[in-house]
Amino acid sequence: MENDYQDAISVFQAFALYGYKKTSMISLAEALSMSRQGAYKRFKNKEFIFNWMLEKLLSQAMTEVDLVLADKGKALHGRVAEVFDIWSGRFIETLRSAPHAAEIVDRISANPSSNNELLNALVEALKATLIEEQLAPTEQECEDIAFTLYMASKGLTLTCENRRDFNEKMQKLISVILP
């Protein structure tokens, strides 16, 4: 599993460097430390690799998110900030330094695959935590808060200069949105 995650990071970096359209199977094979033929045999095509990469990155992030949210020894605001650092913050430097980051972000946003399930799982995990912490009188209000935080994090991902900037602004948002 750890190797798959590291491979997915390497693939993400290749896509960010060259853009989806210009990333070749040779570049992806190099990122995966395998031959072009090996990449075709394992993954079929570039789109399959892209979807595989997203699933690996988001699944790993969701595993970490669940652990953070379950840690009742930390204050809620800190846990929520850490969740968004895991979900988005760790990718800011790659996205900011990559010439084709906007294309990759657009492709991720438009991806209709099972990644939507993982995105929904993030909002649901946040909602469940907010309900457990009794942060709002209704479940719908907790869901609305979770969704608002998620959408705000997407905007910050696109506009922040670096991970530190993202985390500082996300903490400000959290302090305003969470009671």
N, C-alpha and C. Protein backbone atom coordinates (compact mmCIF):
# COMPACT_ATOMS: atom_id res chain seq x y z
N MET A 1 0.83 -1.19 0.00
CA MET A 1 0.00 0.00 0.00
C MET A 1 0.87 1.25 0.00
N GLU A 2 1.91 1.28 0.82
CA GLU A 2 2.80 2.43 0.89
C GLU A 2 3.46 2.68 -0.46
N ASN A 3 3.86 1.61 -1.14
CA ASN A 3 4.46 1.76 -2.47
C ASN A 3 3.46 2.36 -3.45
N ASP A 4 2.21 1.90 -3.41
CA ASP A 4 1.18 2.45 -4.29
C ASP A 4 1.00 3.95 -4.04
N TYR A 5 1.02 4.33 -2.78
CA TYR A 5 0.84 5.75 -2.44
C TYR A 5 2.01 6.57 -2.98
N GLN A 6 3.23 6.09 -2.78
CA GLN A 6 4.40 6.81 -3.30
C GLN A 6 4.37 6.86 -4.83
N ASP A 7 3.95 5.77 -5.46
CA ASP A 7 3.80 5.76 -6.92
C ASP A 7 2.75 6.77 -7.36
N ALA A 8 1.66 6.86 -6.61
CA ALA A 8 0.60 7.81 -6.96
C ALA A 8 1.11 9.24 -6.84
N ILE A 9 1.93 9.53 -5.85
CA ILE A 9 2.52 10.87 -5.71
C ILE A 9 3.42 11.16 -6.90
N SER A 10 4.22 10.20 -7.30
CA SER A 10 5.10 10.38 -8.46
C SER A 10 4.30 10.63 -9.73
N VAL A 11 3.21 9.90 -9.89
CA VAL A 11 2.35 10.09 -11.06
C VAL A 11 1.70 11.48 -11.01
N PHE A 12 1.24 11.90 -9.83
CA PHE A 12 0.66 13.23 -9.67
C PHE A 12 1.67 14.30 -10.08
N GLN A 13 2.91 14.15 -9.66
CA GLN A 13 3.95 15.12 -10.01
C GLN A 13 4.20 15.14 -11.51
N ALA A 14 4.17 13.98 -12.15
CA ALA A 14 4.35 13.93 -13.61
C ALA A 14 3.20 14.64 -14.32
N PHE A 15 1.98 14.36 -13.91
CA PHE A 15 0.83 15.03 -14.52
C PHE A 15 0.89 16.54 -14.29
N ALA A 16 1.28 16.95 -13.10
CA ALA A 16 1.36 18.38 -12.79
C ALA A 16 2.45 19.06 -13.62
N LEU A 17 3.54 18.36 -13.87
CA LEU A 17 4.65 18.92 -14.63
C LEU A 17 4.32 19.08 -16.11
N TYR A 18 3.71 18.05 -16.69
CA TYR A 18 3.48 18.05 -18.14
C TYR A 18 2.04 18.38 -18.53
N GLY A 19 1.11 18.32 -17.60
CA GLY A 19 -0.30 18.47 -17.93
C GLY A 19 -0.85 17.13 -18.38
N TYR A 20 -2.15 16.98 -18.27
CA TYR A 20 -2.76 15.69 -18.62
C TYR A 20 -2.52 15.36 -20.09
N LYS A 21 -2.81 16.31 -20.95
CA LYS A 21 -2.72 16.04 -22.39
C LYS A 21 -1.31 15.69 -22.85
N LYS A 22 -0.31 16.35 -22.28
CA LYS A 22 1.06 16.16 -22.75
C LYS A 22 1.85 15.13 -21.96
N THR A 23 1.26 14.58 -20.93
CA THR A 23 1.96 13.53 -20.18
C THR A 23 1.89 12.25 -20.99
N SER A 24 3.04 11.72 -21.30
CA SER A 24 3.11 10.49 -22.11
C SER A 24 3.13 9.26 -21.23
N MET A 25 2.83 8.14 -21.82
CA MET A 25 2.92 6.88 -21.08
C MET A 25 4.37 6.61 -20.69
N ILE A 26 5.31 7.10 -21.48
CA ILE A 26 6.72 6.94 -21.12
C ILE A 26 7.01 7.71 -19.82
N SER A 27 6.52 8.95 -19.72
CA SER A 27 6.72 9.75 -18.50
C SER A 27 6.06 9.08 -17.30
N LEU A 28 4.88 8.55 -17.51
CA LEU A 28 4.17 7.87 -16.42
C LEU A 28 4.88 6.59 -16.02
N ALA A 29 5.37 5.86 -16.99
CA ALA A 29 6.12 4.63 -16.70
C ALA A 29 7.37 4.96 -15.89
N GLU A 30 8.06 6.05 -16.26
CA GLU A 30 9.24 6.46 -15.50
C GLU A 30 8.85 6.83 -14.07
N ALA A 31 7.74 7.54 -13.90
CA ALA A 31 7.28 7.91 -12.57
C ALA A 31 6.95 6.67 -11.74
N LEU A 32 6.52 5.62 -12.41
CA LEU A 32 6.16 4.36 -11.75
C LEU A 32 7.34 3.39 -11.66
N SER A 33 8.50 3.81 -12.16
CA SER A 33 9.70 2.97 -12.19
C SER A 33 9.45 1.64 -12.89
N MET A 34 8.82 1.74 -14.05
CA MET A 34 8.59 0.54 -14.86
C MET A 34 8.72 0.88 -16.32
N SER A 35 8.72 -0.13 -17.16
CA SER A 35 8.79 0.10 -18.60
C SER A 35 7.44 0.59 -19.12
N ARG A 36 7.48 1.18 -20.31
CA ARG A 36 6.23 1.63 -20.93
C ARG A 36 5.29 0.44 -21.13
N GLN A 37 5.84 -0.68 -21.57
CA GLN A 37 5.03 -1.87 -21.76
C GLN A 37 4.43 -2.35 -20.44
N GLY A 38 5.22 -2.29 -19.37
CA GLY A 38 4.72 -2.67 -18.04
C GLY A 38 3.59 -1.76 -17.59
N ALA A 39 3.72 -0.47 -17.89
CA ALA A 39 2.66 0.48 -17.53
C ALA A 39 1.38 0.17 -18.30
N TYR A 40 1.52 -0.12 -19.60
CA TYR A 40 0.32 -0.47 -20.39
C TYR A 40 -0.30 -1.77 -19.89
N LYS A 41 0.53 -2.72 -19.54
CA LYS A 41 0.01 -4.00 -19.08
C LYS A 41 -0.74 -3.84 -17.76
N ARG A 42 -0.20 -3.04 -16.84
CA ARG A 42 -0.83 -2.87 -15.53
C ARG A 42 -2.03 -1.92 -15.57
N PHE A 43 -1.94 -0.87 -16.39
CA PHE A 43 -2.94 0.19 -16.32
C PHE A 43 -3.79 0.41 -17.57
N LYS A 44 -3.46 -0.16 -18.67
CA LYS A 44 -4.21 -0.02 -19.93
C LYS A 44 -3.94 1.30 -20.65
N ASN A 45 -4.18 2.44 -19.96
CA ASN A 45 -4.02 3.73 -20.64
C ASN A 45 -3.83 4.85 -19.62
N LYS A 46 -3.59 6.05 -20.14
CA LYS A 46 -3.32 7.21 -19.30
C LYS A 46 -4.52 7.57 -18.41
N GLU A 47 -5.70 7.48 -18.94
CA GLU A 47 -6.88 7.80 -18.14
C GLU A 47 -7.02 6.85 -16.96
N PHE A 48 -6.76 5.58 -17.18
CA PHE A 48 -6.81 4.60 -16.10
C PHE A 48 -5.78 4.95 -15.02
N ILE A 49 -4.58 5.35 -15.45
CA ILE A 49 -3.54 5.73 -14.49
C ILE A 49 -3.98 6.96 -13.70
N PHE A 50 -4.57 7.94 -14.37
CA PHE A 50 -5.04 9.15 -13.70
C PHE A 50 -6.07 8.81 -12.64
N ASN A 51 -7.04 7.99 -13.00
CA ASN A 51 -8.08 7.59 -12.05
C ASN A 51 -7.51 6.77 -10.90
N TRP A 52 -6.57 5.89 -11.21
CA TRP A 52 -5.90 5.10 -10.18
C TRP A 52 -5.17 6.03 -9.21
N MET A 53 -4.45 7.02 -9.75
CA MET A 53 -3.72 7.97 -8.93
C MET A 53 -4.66 8.70 -7.97
N LEU A 54 -5.77 9.20 -8.49
CA LEU A 54 -6.74 9.91 -7.65
C LEU A 54 -7.27 9.01 -6.54
N GLU A 55 -7.63 7.80 -6.90
CA GLU A 55 -8.18 6.87 -5.91
C GLU A 55 -7.16 6.60 -4.82
N LYS A 56 -5.90 6.39 -5.16
CA LYS A 56 -4.86 6.11 -4.17
C LYS A 56 -4.62 7.33 -3.27
N LEU A 57 -4.50 8.51 -3.87
CA LEU A 57 -4.23 9.72 -3.08
C LEU A 57 -5.40 10.04 -2.15
N LEU A 58 -6.61 9.97 -2.68
CA LEU A 58 -7.78 10.31 -1.86
C LEU A 58 -8.09 9.24 -0.81
N SER A 59 -7.86 7.98 -1.14
CA SER A 59 -8.08 6.91 -0.15
C SER A 59 -7.11 7.05 1.02
N GLN A 60 -5.86 7.32 0.71
CA GLN A 60 -4.87 7.51 1.77
C GLN A 60 -5.23 8.73 2.62
N ALA A 61 -5.63 9.81 1.95
CA ALA A 61 -6.03 11.01 2.69
C ALA A 61 -7.22 10.71 3.59
N MET A 62 -8.20 9.96 3.08
CA MET A 62 -9.39 9.66 3.87
C MET A 62 -9.04 8.81 5.09
N THR A 63 -8.12 7.88 4.94
CA THR A 63 -7.66 7.06 6.07
C THR A 63 -7.06 7.96 7.15
N GLU A 64 -6.24 8.91 6.73
CA GLU A 64 -5.62 9.83 7.68
C GLU A 64 -6.65 10.76 8.32
N VAL A 65 -7.61 11.22 7.51
CA VAL A 65 -8.67 12.10 8.01
C VAL A 65 -9.46 11.40 9.12
N ASP A 66 -9.83 10.15 8.88
CA ASP A 66 -10.58 9.39 9.89
C ASP A 66 -9.82 9.30 11.20
N LEU A 67 -8.52 9.07 11.13
CA LEU A 67 -7.70 8.99 12.35
C LEU A 67 -7.66 10.32 13.09
N VAL A 68 -7.51 11.40 12.34
CA VAL A 68 -7.45 12.73 12.95
C VAL A 68 -8.78 13.08 13.61
N LEU A 69 -9.88 12.85 12.91
CA LEU A 69 -11.19 13.19 13.47
C LEU A 69 -11.53 12.36 14.70
N ALA A 70 -10.99 11.16 14.77
CA ALA A 70 -11.26 10.27 15.91
C ALA A 70 -10.45 10.64 17.15
N ASP A 71 -9.44 11.47 16.98
CA ASP A 71 -8.56 11.82 18.10
C ASP A 71 -9.20 12.91 18.97
N LYS A 72 -9.94 12.47 19.96
CA LYS A 72 -10.66 13.39 20.84
C LYS A 72 -9.73 14.14 21.79
N GLY A 73 -8.46 13.77 21.80
CA GLY A 73 -7.49 14.46 22.65
C GLY A 73 -7.11 15.84 22.11
N LYS A 74 -7.48 16.11 20.87
CA LYS A 74 -7.18 17.41 20.25
C LYS A 74 -8.46 18.22 20.16
N ALA A 75 -8.31 19.53 20.22
CA ALA A 75 -9.45 20.43 20.08
C ALA A 75 -10.04 20.30 18.67
N LEU A 76 -11.33 20.50 18.56
CA LEU A 76 -12.03 20.35 17.28
C LEU A 76 -11.44 21.24 16.20
N HIS A 77 -11.20 22.51 16.48
CA HIS A 77 -10.67 23.42 15.47
C HIS A 77 -9.34 22.90 14.92
N GLY A 78 -8.49 22.40 15.79
CA GLY A 78 -7.20 21.86 15.37
C GLY A 78 -7.35 20.62 14.51
N ARG A 79 -8.31 19.75 14.89
CA ARG A 79 -8.54 18.53 14.10
C ARG A 79 -9.05 18.89 12.71
N VAL A 80 -9.97 19.83 12.63
CA VAL A 80 -10.53 20.21 11.32
C VAL A 80 -9.44 20.85 10.47
N ALA A 81 -8.60 21.69 11.06
CA ALA A 81 -7.49 22.30 10.31
C ALA A 81 -6.56 21.22 9.78
N GLU A 82 -6.26 20.23 10.61
CA GLU A 82 -5.38 19.14 10.18
C GLU A 82 -6.02 18.32 9.05
N VAL A 83 -7.33 18.14 9.12
CA VAL A 83 -8.04 17.42 8.06
C VAL A 83 -7.81 18.09 6.71
N PHE A 84 -7.94 19.41 6.67
CA PHE A 84 -7.79 20.10 5.39
C PHE A 84 -6.34 20.20 4.94
N ASP A 85 -5.42 20.18 5.90
CA ASP A 85 -4.01 20.10 5.51
C ASP A 85 -3.74 18.76 4.84
N ILE A 86 -4.31 17.71 5.38
CA ILE A 86 -4.16 16.37 4.79
C ILE A 86 -4.81 16.33 3.42
N TRP A 87 -6.02 16.85 3.33
CA TRP A 87 -6.81 16.72 2.11
C TRP A 87 -6.27 17.58 0.97
N SER A 88 -5.85 18.81 1.29
CA SER A 88 -5.43 19.74 0.23
C SER A 88 -4.06 20.35 0.46
N GLY A 89 -3.77 20.72 1.69
CA GLY A 89 -2.55 21.47 1.98
C GLY A 89 -1.27 20.82 1.49
N ARG A 90 -1.19 19.51 1.61
CA ARG A 90 0.05 18.82 1.24
C ARG A 90 0.34 18.88 -0.26
N PHE A 91 -0.65 19.26 -1.05
CA PHE A 91 -0.44 19.30 -2.51
C PHE A 91 -0.19 20.72 -3.04
N ILE A 92 -0.26 21.71 -2.17
CA ILE A 92 -0.16 23.10 -2.62
C ILE A 92 1.16 23.39 -3.32
N GLU A 93 2.29 23.00 -2.73
CA GLU A 93 3.59 23.30 -3.34
C GLU A 93 3.71 22.70 -4.74
N THR A 94 3.28 21.45 -4.89
CA THR A 94 3.33 20.82 -6.21
C THR A 94 2.46 21.58 -7.19
N LEU A 95 1.26 21.94 -6.75
CA LEU A 95 0.36 22.66 -7.65
C LEU A 95 0.88 24.04 -8.00
N ARG A 96 1.49 24.73 -7.05
CA ARG A 96 2.00 26.08 -7.31
C ARG A 96 3.23 26.07 -8.20
N SER A 97 4.06 25.05 -8.08
CA SER A 97 5.30 25.02 -8.84
C SER A 97 5.14 24.37 -10.22
N ALA A 98 4.02 23.74 -10.46
CA ALA A 98 3.82 23.01 -11.72
C ALA A 98 3.22 23.91 -12.79
N PRO A 99 3.77 23.86 -13.98
CA PRO A 99 3.26 24.71 -15.05
C PRO A 99 1.85 24.34 -15.52
N HIS A 100 1.41 23.11 -15.28
CA HIS A 100 0.11 22.67 -15.76
C HIS A 100 -0.85 22.29 -14.63
N ALA A 101 -0.65 22.90 -13.48
CA ALA A 101 -1.46 22.56 -12.32
C ALA A 101 -2.94 22.84 -12.54
N ALA A 102 -3.25 23.97 -13.19
CA ALA A 102 -4.66 24.33 -13.40
C ALA A 102 -5.38 23.26 -14.21
N GLU A 103 -4.70 22.73 -15.21
CA GLU A 103 -5.30 21.68 -16.03
C GLU A 103 -5.58 20.43 -15.19
N ILE A 104 -4.67 20.10 -14.30
CA ILE A 104 -4.84 18.91 -13.46
C ILE A 104 -5.98 19.14 -12.47
N VAL A 105 -6.04 20.31 -11.86
CA VAL A 105 -7.12 20.62 -10.91
C VAL A 105 -8.47 20.55 -11.64
N ASP A 106 -8.54 21.10 -12.85
CA ASP A 106 -9.79 21.04 -13.62
C ASP A 106 -10.18 19.59 -13.92
N ARG A 107 -9.20 18.80 -14.28
CA ARG A 107 -9.48 17.39 -14.60
C ARG A 107 -9.94 16.62 -13.35
N ILE A 108 -9.33 16.91 -12.22
CA ILE A 108 -9.73 16.26 -10.97
C ILE A 108 -11.17 16.66 -10.64
N SER A 109 -11.48 17.95 -10.76
CA SER A 109 -12.82 18.44 -10.44
C SER A 109 -13.88 17.83 -11.35
N ALA A 110 -13.52 17.59 -12.60
CA ALA A 110 -14.48 17.06 -13.57
C ALA A 110 -14.54 15.55 -13.59
N ASN A 111 -13.70 14.89 -12.79
CA ASN A 111 -13.62 13.43 -12.83
C ASN A 111 -14.87 12.79 -12.24
N PRO A 112 -15.60 12.03 -13.06
CA PRO A 112 -16.86 11.44 -12.59
C PRO A 112 -16.71 10.08 -11.91
N SER A 113 -15.49 9.65 -11.71
CA SER A 113 -15.28 8.29 -11.19
C SER A 113 -15.63 8.19 -9.71
N SER A 114 -15.21 7.12 -9.11
CA SER A 114 -15.55 6.85 -7.71
C SER A 114 -14.94 7.87 -6.76
N ASN A 115 -14.11 8.78 -7.26
CA ASN A 115 -13.52 9.79 -6.39
C ASN A 115 -14.59 10.68 -5.77
N ASN A 116 -15.73 10.82 -6.45
CA ASN A 116 -16.83 11.58 -5.86
C ASN A 116 -17.28 10.95 -4.56
N GLU A 117 -17.22 9.63 -4.49
CA GLU A 117 -17.58 8.93 -3.26
C GLU A 117 -16.63 9.32 -2.14
N LEU A 118 -15.35 9.45 -2.45
CA LEU A 118 -14.38 9.84 -1.43
C LEU A 118 -14.56 11.29 -1.01
N LEU A 119 -14.89 12.15 -1.96
CA LEU A 119 -15.15 13.55 -1.61
C LEU A 119 -16.38 13.64 -0.71
N ASN A 120 -17.41 12.88 -1.05
CA ASN A 120 -18.61 12.85 -0.20
C ASN A 120 -18.27 12.26 1.17
N ALA A 121 -17.37 11.29 1.20
CA ALA A 121 -16.97 10.68 2.47
C ALA A 121 -16.30 11.72 3.37
N LEU A 122 -15.53 12.63 2.79
CA LEU A 122 -14.90 13.68 3.59
C LEU A 122 -15.96 14.56 4.24
N VAL A 123 -16.91 15.01 3.44
CA VAL A 123 -17.98 15.87 3.97
C VAL A 123 -18.78 15.10 5.03
N GLU A 124 -19.07 13.84 4.78
CA GLU A 124 -19.83 13.04 5.75
C GLU A 124 -19.05 12.83 7.06
N ALA A 125 -17.74 12.61 6.94
CA ALA A 125 -16.93 12.44 8.15
C ALA A 125 -16.90 13.73 8.97
N LEU A 126 -16.77 14.85 8.29
CA LEU A 126 -16.81 16.13 8.99
C LEU A 126 -18.18 16.35 9.62
N LYS A 127 -19.22 16.06 8.87
CA LYS A 127 -20.59 16.21 9.37
C LYS A 127 -20.78 15.37 10.63
N ALA A 128 -20.36 14.13 10.59
CA ALA A 128 -20.52 13.23 11.74
C ALA A 128 -19.78 13.77 12.96
N THR A 129 -18.61 14.32 12.75
CA THR A 129 -17.83 14.89 13.85
C THR A 129 -18.53 16.11 14.42
N LEU A 130 -19.07 16.95 13.54
CA LEU A 130 -19.76 18.15 14.00
C LEU A 130 -21.03 17.79 14.77
N ILE A 131 -21.73 16.75 14.32
CA ILE A 131 -22.92 16.28 15.04
C ILE A 131 -22.52 15.76 16.41
N GLU A 132 -21.47 14.94 16.44
CA GLU A 132 -20.99 14.38 17.70
C GLU A 132 -20.58 15.48 18.67
N GLU A 133 -19.98 16.54 18.15
CA GLU A 133 -19.54 17.66 18.98
C GLU A 133 -20.69 18.63 19.29
N GLN A 134 -21.87 18.34 18.74
CA GLN A 134 -23.07 19.15 18.94
C GLN A 134 -22.83 20.62 18.59
N LEU A 135 -22.25 20.81 17.41
CA LEU A 135 -21.89 22.16 16.98
C LEU A 135 -23.05 22.95 16.39
N ALA A 136 -24.08 22.27 15.98
CA ALA A 136 -25.25 22.94 15.42
C ALA A 136 -26.49 22.17 15.85
N PRO A 137 -27.64 22.84 15.88
CA PRO A 137 -28.85 22.18 16.38
C PRO A 137 -29.40 21.07 15.48
N THR A 138 -29.08 21.10 14.17
CA THR A 138 -29.62 20.06 13.29
C THR A 138 -28.51 19.40 12.48
N GLU A 139 -28.81 18.19 12.01
CA GLU A 139 -27.86 17.49 11.15
C GLU A 139 -27.63 18.27 9.85
N GLN A 140 -28.69 18.87 9.32
CA GLN A 140 -28.56 19.63 8.07
C GLN A 140 -27.60 20.80 8.25
N GLU A 141 -27.68 21.47 9.38
CA GLU A 141 -26.75 22.58 9.63
C GLU A 141 -25.31 22.08 9.73
N CYS A 142 -25.11 20.92 10.34
CA CYS A 142 -23.77 20.33 10.41
C CYS A 142 -23.27 19.98 9.02
N GLU A 143 -24.16 19.42 8.19
CA GLU A 143 -23.77 19.11 6.82
C GLU A 143 -23.43 20.38 6.05
N ASP A 144 -24.21 21.43 6.24
CA ASP A 144 -23.95 22.70 5.56
C ASP A 144 -22.60 23.28 5.97
N ILE A 145 -22.27 23.20 7.25
CA ILE A 145 -20.98 23.69 7.73
C ILE A 145 -19.85 22.88 7.11
N ALA A 146 -19.98 21.55 7.11
CA ALA A 146 -18.95 20.68 6.54
C ALA A 146 -18.76 20.98 5.06
N PHE A 147 -19.86 21.13 4.34
CA PHE A 147 -19.78 21.41 2.91
C PHE A 147 -19.14 22.78 2.66
N THR A 148 -19.50 23.77 3.46
CA THR A 148 -18.93 25.12 3.30
C THR A 148 -17.43 25.10 3.54
N LEU A 149 -17.00 24.39 4.57
CA LEU A 149 -15.56 24.27 4.83
C LEU A 149 -14.84 23.60 3.66
N TYR A 150 -15.45 22.55 3.14
CA TYR A 150 -14.84 21.84 2.00
C TYR A 150 -14.73 22.76 0.79
N MET A 151 -15.80 23.47 0.46
CA MET A 151 -15.77 24.35 -0.71
C MET A 151 -14.78 25.50 -0.50
N ALA A 152 -14.70 26.03 0.70
CA ALA A 152 -13.73 27.09 1.00
C ALA A 152 -12.31 26.56 0.82
N SER A 153 -12.08 25.32 1.24
CA SER A 153 -10.74 24.73 1.09
C SER A 153 -10.37 24.59 -0.38
N LYS A 154 -11.34 24.28 -1.22
CA LYS A 154 -11.07 24.19 -2.67
C LYS A 154 -10.62 25.54 -3.21
N GLY A 155 -11.31 26.60 -2.79
CA GLY A 155 -10.92 27.93 -3.24
C GLY A 155 -9.52 28.30 -2.77
N LEU A 156 -9.20 28.00 -1.52
CA LEU A 156 -7.87 28.29 -1.00
C LEU A 156 -6.80 27.47 -1.71
N THR A 157 -7.14 26.24 -2.07
CA THR A 157 -6.18 25.40 -2.79
C THR A 157 -5.75 26.08 -4.09
N LEU A 158 -6.66 26.76 -4.72
CA LEU A 158 -6.37 27.41 -6.00
C LEU A 158 -5.69 28.76 -5.85
N THR A 159 -5.80 29.38 -4.68
CA THR A 159 -5.31 30.75 -4.56
C THR A 159 -4.11 30.93 -3.62
N CYS A 160 -3.88 30.02 -2.72
CA CYS A 160 -2.79 30.19 -1.76
C CYS A 160 -1.44 29.93 -2.41
N GLU A 161 -0.45 30.66 -1.93
CA GLU A 161 0.90 30.55 -2.50
C GLU A 161 1.65 29.31 -2.04
N ASN A 162 1.38 28.87 -0.81
CA ASN A 162 2.10 27.72 -0.28
C ASN A 162 1.27 27.05 0.82
N ARG A 163 1.79 25.98 1.33
CA ARG A 163 1.07 25.20 2.34
C ARG A 163 0.83 26.01 3.62
N ARG A 164 1.83 26.76 4.03
CA ARG A 164 1.68 27.58 5.24
C ARG A 164 0.57 28.61 5.06
N ASP A 165 0.55 29.27 3.92
CA ASP A 165 -0.49 30.25 3.61
C ASP A 165 -1.86 29.58 3.63
N PHE A 166 -1.96 28.40 3.01
CA PHE A 166 -3.21 27.64 3.00
C PHE A 166 -3.66 27.34 4.43
N ASN A 167 -2.75 26.83 5.25
CA ASN A 167 -3.12 26.45 6.62
C ASN A 167 -3.52 27.66 7.46
N GLU A 168 -2.82 28.76 7.31
CA GLU A 168 -3.18 29.97 8.06
C GLU A 168 -4.58 30.46 7.68
N LYS A 169 -4.85 30.50 6.38
CA LYS A 169 -6.16 30.98 5.92
C LYS A 169 -7.26 29.99 6.26
N MET A 170 -6.95 28.70 6.20
CA MET A 170 -7.95 27.70 6.55
C MET A 170 -8.28 27.81 8.03
N GLN A 171 -7.29 28.06 8.87
CA GLN A 171 -7.55 28.23 10.31
C GLN A 171 -8.43 29.44 10.56
N LYS A 172 -8.21 30.52 9.81
CA LYS A 172 -9.09 31.70 9.95
C LYS A 172 -10.51 31.36 9.57
N LEU A 173 -10.68 30.65 8.45
CA LEU A 173 -12.01 30.23 8.03
C LEU A 173 -12.69 29.36 9.08
N ILE A 174 -11.95 28.41 9.60
CA ILE A 174 -12.50 27.50 10.61
C ILE A 174 -12.97 28.29 11.83
N SER A 175 -12.15 29.26 12.25
CA SER A 175 -12.52 30.03 13.45
C SER A 175 -13.77 30.89 13.21
N VAL A 176 -14.01 31.28 11.96
CA VAL A 176 -15.21 32.06 11.65
C VAL A 176 -16.43 31.16 11.47
N ILE A 177 -16.23 30.02 10.80
CA ILE A 177 -17.37 29.16 10.44
C ILE A 177 -17.81 28.26 11.60
N LEU A 178 -16.83 27.74 12.36
CA LEU A 178 -17.18 26.87 13.49
C LEU A 178 -17.41 27.73 14.73
N PRO A 179 -18.49 27.48 15.43
CA PRO A 179 -18.76 28.27 16.65
C PRO A 179 -17.70 28.03 17.72
